[in-house]
Amino acid sequence: GADEMVEDVKLAVSEACTDTVVSLGGRGAMQVRGYPG
C-alpha cells in the first residue's frame, strides 16, 4: 500500500476503535481482521 493509504488506514482504525472504547467504557474485547484479496 502507498504511504498515503497507510495514513488513511491509521486514521480510520483509530476512529473505529475509539468509538468502541468510548461506547464500552473500557469493558469487553475487540478484533481487527485483514483479508488480502
All heavy atoms as atom14 arrays in JSON, in Angstrom:
{
  "sequence": "GADEMVEDVKLAVSEACTDTVVSLGGRGAMQVRGYPG",
  "atom14_mask": [
    [1, 1, 1, 1, 0, 0, 0, 0, 0, 0, 0, 0, 0, 0],
    [1, 1, 1, 1, 1, 0, 0, 0, 0, 0, 0, 0, 0, 0],
    [1, 1, 1, 1, 1, 1, 1, 1, 0, 0, 0, 0, 0, 0],
    [1, 1, 1, 1, 1, 1, 1, 1, 1, 0, 0, 0, 0, 0],
    [1, 1, 1, 1, 1, 1, 1, 1, 0, 0, 0, 0, 0, 0],
    [1, 1, 1, 1, 1, 1, 1, 0, 0, 0, 0, 0, 0, 0],
    [1, 1, 1, 1, 1, 1, 1, 1, 1, 0, 0, 0, 0, 0],
    [1, 1, 1, 1, 1, 1, 1, 1, 0, 0, 0, 0, 0, 0],
    [1, 1, 1, 1, 1, 1, 1, 0, 0, 0, 0, 0, 0, 0],
    [1, 1, 1, 1, 1, 1, 1, 1, 1, 0, 0, 0, 0, 0],
    [1, 1, 1, 1, 1, 1, 1, 1, 0, 0, 0, 0, 0, 0],
    [1, 1, 1, 1, 1, 0, 0, 0, 0, 0, 0, 0, 0, 0],
    [1, 1, 1, 1, 1, 1, 1, 0, 0, 0, 0, 0, 0, 0],
    [1, 1, 1, 1, 1, 1, 0, 0, 0, 0, 0, 0, 0, 0],
    [1, 1, 1, 1, 1, 1, 1, 1, 1, 0, 0, 0, 0, 0],
    [1, 1, 1, 1, 1, 0, 0, 0, 0, 0, 0, 0, 0, 0],
    [1, 1, 1, 1, 1, 1, 0, 0, 0, 0, 0, 0, 0, 0],
    [1, 1, 1, 1, 1, 1, 1, 0, 0, 0, 0, 0, 0, 0],
    [1, 1, 1, 1, 1, 1, 1, 1, 0, 0, 0, 0, 0, 0],
    [1, 1, 1, 1, 1, 1, 1, 0, 0, 0, 0, 0, 0, 0],
    [1, 1, 1, 1, 1, 1, 1, 0, 0, 0, 0, 0, 0, 0],
    [1, 1, 1, 1, 1, 1, 1, 0, 0, 0, 0, 0, 0, 0],
    [1, 1, 1, 1, 1, 1, 0, 0, 0, 0, 0, 0, 0, 0],
    [1, 1, 1, 1, 1, 1, 1, 1, 0, 0, 0, 0, 0, 0],
    [1, 1, 1, 1, 0, 0, 0, 0, 0, 0, 0, 0, 0, 0],
    [1, 1, 1, 1, 0, 0, 0, 0, 0, 0, 0, 0, 0, 0],
    [1, 1, 1, 1, 1, 1, 1, 1, 1, 1, 1, 0, 0, 0],
    [1, 1, 1, 1, 0, 0, 0, 0, 0, 0, 0, 0, 0, 0],
    [1, 1, 1, 1, 1, 0, 0, 0, 0, 0, 0, 0, 0, 0],
    [1, 1, 1, 1, 1, 1, 1, 1, 0, 0, 0, 0, 0, 0],
    [1, 1, 1, 1, 1, 1, 1, 1, 1, 0, 0, 0, 0, 0],
    [1, 1, 1, 1, 1, 1, 1, 0, 0, 0, 0, 0, 0, 0],
    [1, 1, 1, 1, 1, 1, 1, 1, 1, 1, 1, 0, 0, 0],
    [1, 1, 1, 1, 0, 0, 0, 0, 0, 0, 0, 0, 0, 0],
    [1, 1, 1, 1, 1, 1, 1, 1, 1, 1, 1, 1, 0, 0],
    [1, 1, 1, 1, 1, 1, 1, 0, 0, 0, 0, 0, 0, 0],
    [1, 1, 1, 1, 0, 0, 0, 0, 0, 0, 0, 0, 0, 0]
  ],
  "atom14_positions": [
    [[0.82, -1.21, 0.0], [0.0, 0.0, 0.0], [0.84, 1.26, 0.0], [1.94, 1.29, 0.56], [0.0, 0.0, 0.0], [0.0, 0.0, 0.0], [0.0, 0.0, 0.0], [0.0, 0.0, 0.0], [0.0, 0.0, 0.0], [0.0, 0.0, 0.0], [0.0, 0.0, 0.0], [0.0, 0.0, 0.0], [0.0, 0.0, 0.0], [0.0, 0.0, 0.0]],
    [[0.33, 2.3, -0.64], [1.01, 3.59, -0.69], [1.03, 4.23, 0.7], [0.17, 3.97, 1.53], [0.29, 4.51, -1.68], [0.0, 0.0, 0.0], [0.0, 0.0, 0.0], [0.0, 0.0, 0.0], [0.0, 0.0, 0.0], [0.0, 0.0, 0.0], [0.0, 0.0, 0.0], [0.0, 0.0, 0.0], [0.0, 0.0, 0.0], [0.0, 0.0, 0.0]],
    [[2.02, 5.11, 0.92], [2.14, 5.78, 2.21], [0.88, 6.55, 2.58], [0.47, 6.56, 3.73], [3.34, 6.74, 2.2], [4.67, 6.01, 2.24], [4.69, 4.81, 2.6], [5.69, 6.63, 1.89], [0.0, 0.0, 0.0], [0.0, 0.0, 0.0], [0.0, 0.0, 0.0], [0.0, 0.0, 0.0], [0.0, 0.0, 0.0], [0.0, 0.0, 0.0]],
    [[0.24, 7.2, 1.58], [-0.99, 7.94, 1.86], [-2.09, 7.0, 2.36], [-2.89, 7.36, 3.22], [-1.5, 8.68, 0.61], [-0.52, 9.65, 0.0], [0.49, 8.98, -0.93], [0.16, 7.99, -1.62], [1.64, 9.45, -0.94], [0.0, 0.0, 0.0], [0.0, 0.0, 0.0], [0.0, 0.0, 0.0], [0.0, 0.0, 0.0], [0.0, 0.0, 0.0]],
    [[-2.13, 5.8, 1.79], [-3.14, 4.83, 2.19], [-2.88, 4.35, 3.61], [-3.82, 4.16, 4.38], [-3.12, 3.66, 1.2], [-4.38, 2.89, 1.09], [-5.92, 3.81, 0.87], [-5.64, 4.82, -0.56], [0.0, 0.0, 0.0], [0.0, 0.0, 0.0], [0.0, 0.0, 0.0], [0.0, 0.0, 0.0], [0.0, 0.0, 0.0], [0.0, 0.0, 0.0]],
    [[-1.61, 4.2, 3.96], [-1.26, 3.79, 5.33], [-1.78, 4.82, 6.32], [-2.38, 4.47, 7.34], [0.28, 3.62, 5.47], [0.67, 3.44, 6.94], [0.77, 2.45, 4.64], [0.0, 0.0, 0.0], [0.0, 0.0, 0.0], [0.0, 0.0, 0.0], [0.0, 0.0, 0.0], [0.0, 0.0, 0.0], [0.0, 0.0, 0.0], [0.0, 0.0, 0.0]],
    [[-1.6, 6.1, 6.02], [-2.08, 7.16, 6.92], [-3.6, 7.15, 7.03], [-4.16, 7.34, 8.12], [-1.56, 8.52, 6.46], [-0.05, 8.67, 6.57], [0.48, 8.36, 7.96], [-0.09, 8.85, 8.96], [1.48, 7.61, 8.06], [0.0, 0.0, 0.0], [0.0, 0.0, 0.0], [0.0, 0.0, 0.0], [0.0, 0.0, 0.0], [0.0, 0.0, 0.0]],
    [[-4.29, 6.93, 5.91], [-5.76, 6.87, 5.94], [-6.24, 5.69, 6.78], [-7.21, 5.8, 7.54], [-6.32, 6.75, 4.52], [-6.19, 8.05, 3.73], [-5.81, 9.09, 4.32], [-6.45, 8.01, 2.51], [0.0, 0.0, 0.0], [0.0, 0.0, 0.0], [0.0, 0.0, 0.0], [0.0, 0.0, 0.0], [0.0, 0.0, 0.0], [0.0, 0.0, 0.0]],
    [[-5.56, 4.55, 6.66], [-5.92, 3.37, 7.44], [-5.72, 3.63, 8.92], [-6.57, 3.29, 9.75], [-5.13, 2.13, 6.97], [-5.24, 0.99, 7.97], [-5.62, 1.68, 5.61], [0.0, 0.0, 0.0], [0.0, 0.0, 0.0], [0.0, 0.0, 0.0], [0.0, 0.0, 0.0], [0.0, 0.0, 0.0], [0.0, 0.0, 0.0], [0.0, 0.0, 0.0]],
    [[-4.61, 4.25, 9.27], [-4.36, 4.57, 10.68], [-5.5, 5.41, 11.25], [-5.99, 5.15, 12.35], [-3.04, 5.34, 10.83], [-1.81, 4.52, 10.7], [-0.6, 5.45, 10.87], [0.7, 4.75, 10.78], [1.84, 5.68, 10.94], [0.0, 0.0, 0.0], [0.0, 0.0, 0.0], [0.0, 0.0, 0.0], [0.0, 0.0, 0.0], [0.0, 0.0, 0.0]],
    [[-5.91, 6.43, 10.5], [-6.98, 7.31, 10.97], [-8.3, 6.55, 11.09], [-8.99, 6.64, 12.11], [-7.13, 8.5, 10.03], [-8.2, 9.53, 10.39], [-8.01, 10.06, 11.8], [-8.19, 10.66, 9.38], [0.0, 0.0, 0.0], [0.0, 0.0, 0.0], [0.0, 0.0, 0.0], [0.0, 0.0, 0.0], [0.0, 0.0, 0.0], [0.0, 0.0, 0.0]],
    [[-8.65, 5.77, 10.08], [-9.93, 5.03, 10.1], [-9.97, 4.03, 11.25], [-10.98, 3.94, 11.97], [-10.15, 4.33, 8.76], [0.0, 0.0, 0.0], [0.0, 0.0, 0.0], [0.0, 0.0, 0.0], [0.0, 0.0, 0.0], [0.0, 0.0, 0.0], [0.0, 0.0, 0.0], [0.0, 0.0, 0.0], [0.0, 0.0, 0.0], [0.0, 0.0, 0.0]],
    [[-8.91, 3.28, 11.43], [-8.87, 2.29, 12.51], [-8.91, 2.98, 13.86], [-9.63, 2.53, 14.78], [-7.64, 1.37, 12.36], [-7.43, 0.51, 13.6], [-7.78, 0.48, 11.12], [0.0, 0.0, 0.0], [0.0, 0.0, 0.0], [0.0, 0.0, 0.0], [0.0, 0.0, 0.0], [0.0, 0.0, 0.0], [0.0, 0.0, 0.0], [0.0, 0.0, 0.0]],
    [[-8.2, 4.08, 14.01], [-8.23, 4.82, 15.27], [-9.63, 5.29, 15.6], [-10.09, 5.17, 16.74], [-7.3, 6.03, 15.21], [-5.97, 5.63, 15.14], [0.0, 0.0, 0.0], [0.0, 0.0, 0.0], [0.0, 0.0, 0.0], [0.0, 0.0, 0.0], [0.0, 0.0, 0.0], [0.0, 0.0, 0.0], [0.0, 0.0, 0.0], [0.0, 0.0, 0.0]],
    [[-10.32, 5.85, 14.61], [-11.68, 6.36, 14.84], [-12.65, 5.23, 15.21], [-13.45, 5.36, 16.14], [-12.18, 7.12, 13.62], [-11.44, 8.41, 13.36], [-11.58, 9.42, 14.49], [-12.64, 9.51, 15.13], [-10.59, 10.14, 14.74], [0.0, 0.0, 0.0], [0.0, 0.0, 0.0], [0.0, 0.0, 0.0], [0.0, 0.0, 0.0], [0.0, 0.0, 0.0]],
    [[-12.57, 4.11, 14.5], [-13.47, 2.98, 14.79], [-13.2, 2.41, 16.17], [-14.13, 2.15, 16.94], [-13.31, 1.89, 13.73], [0.0, 0.0, 0.0], [0.0, 0.0, 0.0], [0.0, 0.0, 0.0], [0.0, 0.0, 0.0], [0.0, 0.0, 0.0], [0.0, 0.0, 0.0], [0.0, 0.0, 0.0], [0.0, 0.0, 0.0], [0.0, 0.0, 0.0]],
    [[-11.93, 2.23, 16.5], [-11.58, 1.67, 17.81], [-11.93, 2.64, 18.94], [-12.42, 2.22, 19.99], [-10.11, 1.29, 17.86], [-9.69, -0.1, 16.8], [0.0, 0.0, 0.0], [0.0, 0.0, 0.0], [0.0, 0.0, 0.0], [0.0, 0.0, 0.0], [0.0, 0.0, 0.0], [0.0, 0.0, 0.0], [0.0, 0.0, 0.0], [0.0, 0.0, 0.0]],
    [[-11.69, 3.91, 18.73], [-12.02, 4.91, 19.75], [-13.52, 4.92, 20.03], [-13.94, 4.99, 21.18], [-11.53, 6.31, 19.32], [-10.11, 6.27, 19.23], [-11.96, 7.38, 20.32], [0.0, 0.0, 0.0], [0.0, 0.0, 0.0], [0.0, 0.0, 0.0], [0.0, 0.0, 0.0], [0.0, 0.0, 0.0], [0.0, 0.0, 0.0], [0.0, 0.0, 0.0]],
    [[-14.32, 4.82, 18.97], [-15.77, 4.79, 19.17], [-16.17, 3.61, 20.03], [-17.01, 3.73, 20.93], [-16.49, 4.74, 17.82], [-17.96, 4.98, 17.98], [-18.34, 6.13, 18.3], [-18.75, 4.02, 17.86], [0.0, 0.0, 0.0], [0.0, 0.0, 0.0], [0.0, 0.0, 0.0], [0.0, 0.0, 0.0], [0.0, 0.0, 0.0], [0.0, 0.0, 0.0]],
    [[-15.56, 2.47, 19.79], [-15.88, 1.28, 20.57], [-15.41, 1.43, 22.01], [-16.16, 1.1, 22.94], [-15.24, 0.04, 19.93], [-15.8, -0.11, 18.63], [-15.51, -1.21, 20.73], [0.0, 0.0, 0.0], [0.0, 0.0, 0.0], [0.0, 0.0, 0.0], [0.0, 0.0, 0.0], [0.0, 0.0, 0.0], [0.0, 0.0, 0.0], [0.0, 0.0, 0.0]],
    [[-14.22, 1.95, 22.22], [-13.7, 2.15, 23.58], [-14.63, 3.08, 24.35], [-15.0, 2.8, 25.5], [-12.26, 2.69, 23.55], [-11.83, 3.18, 24.92], [-11.3, 1.63, 23.03], [0.0, 0.0, 0.0], [0.0, 0.0, 0.0], [0.0, 0.0, 0.0], [0.0, 0.0, 0.0], [0.0, 0.0, 0.0], [0.0, 0.0, 0.0], [0.0, 0.0, 0.0]],
    [[-15.04, 4.19, 23.73], [-15.93, 5.14, 24.4], [-17.28, 4.49, 24.69], [-17.82, 4.62, 25.79], [-16.09, 6.42, 23.54], [-17.19, 7.31, 24.09], [-14.78, 7.18, 23.47], [0.0, 0.0, 0.0], [0.0, 0.0, 0.0], [0.0, 0.0, 0.0], [0.0, 0.0, 0.0], [0.0, 0.0, 0.0], [0.0, 0.0, 0.0], [0.0, 0.0, 0.0]],
    [[-17.81, 3.76, 23.73], [-19.13, 3.14, 23.89], [-19.13, 2.07, 24.98], [-20.1, 1.93, 25.71], [-19.6, 2.51, 22.58], [-19.8, 3.5, 21.61], [0.0, 0.0, 0.0], [0.0, 0.0, 0.0], [0.0, 0.0, 0.0], [0.0, 0.0, 0.0], [0.0, 0.0, 0.0], [0.0, 0.0, 0.0], [0.0, 0.0, 0.0], [0.0, 0.0, 0.0]],
    [[-18.05, 1.29, 25.05], [-18.0, 0.19, 26.01], [-17.41, 0.58, 27.35], [-17.42, -0.21, 28.28], [-17.18, -0.97, 25.43], [-17.75, -1.67, 24.21], [-16.83, -2.79, 23.76], [-19.14, -2.21, 24.49], [0.0, 0.0, 0.0], [0.0, 0.0, 0.0], [0.0, 0.0, 0.0], [0.0, 0.0, 0.0], [0.0, 0.0, 0.0], [0.0, 0.0, 0.0]],
    [[-16.89, 1.8, 27.44], [-16.31, 2.24, 28.71], [-15.12, 1.39, 29.14], [-14.9, 1.19, 30.32], [0.0, 0.0, 0.0], [0.0, 0.0, 0.0], [0.0, 0.0, 0.0], [0.0, 0.0, 0.0], [0.0, 0.0, 0.0], [0.0, 0.0, 0.0], [0.0, 0.0, 0.0], [0.0, 0.0, 0.0], [0.0, 0.0, 0.0], [0.0, 0.0, 0.0]],
    [[-14.36, 0.87, 28.18], [-13.17, 0.08, 28.51], [-13.46, -1.35, 28.89], [-12.57, -2.06, 29.36], [0.0, 0.0, 0.0], [0.0, 0.0, 0.0], [0.0, 0.0, 0.0], [0.0, 0.0, 0.0], [0.0, 0.0, 0.0], [0.0, 0.0, 0.0], [0.0, 0.0, 0.0], [0.0, 0.0, 0.0], [0.0, 0.0, 0.0], [0.0, 0.0, 0.0]],
    [[-14.68, -1.82, 28.69], [-15.02, -3.21, 29.02], [-15.23, -3.99, 27.72], [-15.73, -3.45, 26.74], [-16.29, -3.28, 29.86], [-16.13, -2.62, 31.23], [-17.44, -2.64, 32.01], [-18.54, -1.99, 31.31], [-18.76, -0.68, 31.29], [-17.95, 0.13, 31.91], [-19.78, -0.18, 30.65], [0.0, 0.0, 0.0], [0.0, 0.0, 0.0], [0.0, 0.0, 0.0]],
    [[-14.85, -5.23, 27.71], [-15.06, -6.07, 26.54], [-13.81, -6.19, 25.69], [-12.73, -5.77, 26.09], [0.0, 0.0, 0.0], [0.0, 0.0, 0.0], [0.0, 0.0, 0.0], [0.0, 0.0, 0.0], [0.0, 0.0, 0.0], [0.0, 0.0, 0.0], [0.0, 0.0, 0.0], [0.0, 0.0, 0.0], [0.0, 0.0, 0.0], [0.0, 0.0, 0.0]],
    [[-13.97, -6.79, 24.52], [-12.85, -7.03, 23.62], [-13.21, -6.59, 22.22], [-14.39, -6.43, 21.89], [-12.47, -8.5, 23.63], [0.0, 0.0, 0.0], [0.0, 0.0, 0.0], [0.0, 0.0, 0.0], [0.0, 0.0, 0.0], [0.0, 0.0, 0.0], [0.0, 0.0, 0.0], [0.0, 0.0, 0.0], [0.0, 0.0, 0.0], [0.0, 0.0, 0.0]],
    [[-12.19, -6.39, 21.41], [-12.37, -6.01, 20.01], [-11.5, -6.9, 19.14], [-10.55, -7.52, 19.62], [-11.92, -4.57, 19.79], [-12.7, -3.55, 20.55], [-12.08, -1.88, 20.2], [-12.27, -1.81, 18.45], [0.0, 0.0, 0.0], [0.0, 0.0, 0.0], [0.0, 0.0, 0.0], [0.0, 0.0, 0.0], [0.0, 0.0, 0.0], [0.0, 0.0, 0.0]],
    [[-11.81, -6.91, 17.85], [-10.99, -7.61, 16.86], [-10.83, -6.75, 15.63], [-11.77, -6.08, 15.21], [-11.67, -8.9, 16.42], [-11.12, -10.14, 17.03], [-11.63, -11.4, 16.34], [-12.11, -11.39, 15.21], [-11.53, -12.49, 17.06], [0.0, 0.0, 0.0], [0.0, 0.0, 0.0], [0.0, 0.0, 0.0], [0.0, 0.0, 0.0], [0.0, 0.0, 0.0]],
    [[-9.63, -6.79, 15.06], [-9.37, -6.2, 13.75], [-8.9, -7.37, 12.88], [-8.01, -8.12, 13.27], [-8.29, -5.11, 13.8], [-7.96, -4.59, 12.41], [-8.72, -3.96, 14.71], [0.0, 0.0, 0.0], [0.0, 0.0, 0.0], [0.0, 0.0, 0.0], [0.0, 0.0, 0.0], [0.0, 0.0, 0.0], [0.0, 0.0, 0.0], [0.0, 0.0, 0.0]],
    [[-9.55, -7.52, 11.72], [-9.19, -8.59, 10.8], [-8.85, -8.01, 9.44], [-9.5, -7.08, 8.98], [-10.36, -9.58, 10.64], [-10.66, -10.36, 11.9], [-11.82, -11.33, 11.71], [-13.07, -10.69, 11.35], [-13.89, -10.09, 12.22], [-13.58, -10.05, 13.5], [-15.0, -9.53, 11.82], [0.0, 0.0, 0.0], [0.0, 0.0, 0.0], [0.0, 0.0, 0.0]],
    [[-7.84, -8.58, 8.8], [-7.46, -8.16, 7.46], [-7.49, -9.36, 6.52], [-6.93, -10.41, 6.83], [0.0, 0.0, 0.0], [0.0, 0.0, 0.0], [0.0, 0.0, 0.0], [0.0, 0.0, 0.0], [0.0, 0.0, 0.0], [0.0, 0.0, 0.0], [0.0, 0.0, 0.0], [0.0, 0.0, 0.0], [0.0, 0.0, 0.0], [0.0, 0.0, 0.0]],
    [[-8.18, -9.18, 5.38], [-8.32, -10.23, 4.37], [-7.7, -9.73, 3.07], [-8.33, -8.94, 2.36], [-9.79, -10.58, 4.13], [-10.53, -11.08, 5.33], [-11.22, -10.2, 6.17], [-10.56, -12.43, 5.63], [-11.91, -10.66, 7.28], [-11.26, -12.9, 6.74], [-11.93, -12.01, 7.56], [-12.62, -12.47, 8.65], [0.0, 0.0, 0.0], [0.0, 0.0, 0.0]],
    [[-6.49, -10.18, 2.75], [-5.89, -9.76, 1.48], [-6.67, -10.38, 0.31], [-7.1, -11.52, 0.38], [-4.47, -10.34, 1.52], [-4.25, -10.76, 2.94], [-5.59, -11.0, 3.55], [0.0, 0.0, 0.0], [0.0, 0.0, 0.0], [0.0, 0.0, 0.0], [0.0, 0.0, 0.0], [0.0, 0.0, 0.0], [0.0, 0.0, 0.0], [0.0, 0.0, 0.0]],
    [[-6.87, -9.59, -0.73], [-7.58, -10.08, -1.91], [-7.11, -9.4, -3.16], [-6.22, -8.54, -3.13], [0.0, 0.0, 0.0], [0.0, 0.0, 0.0], [0.0, 0.0, 0.0], [0.0, 0.0, 0.0], [0.0, 0.0, 0.0], [0.0, 0.0, 0.0], [0.0, 0.0, 0.0], [0.0, 0.0, 0.0], [0.0, 0.0, 0.0], [0.0, 0.0, 0.0]]
  ]
}
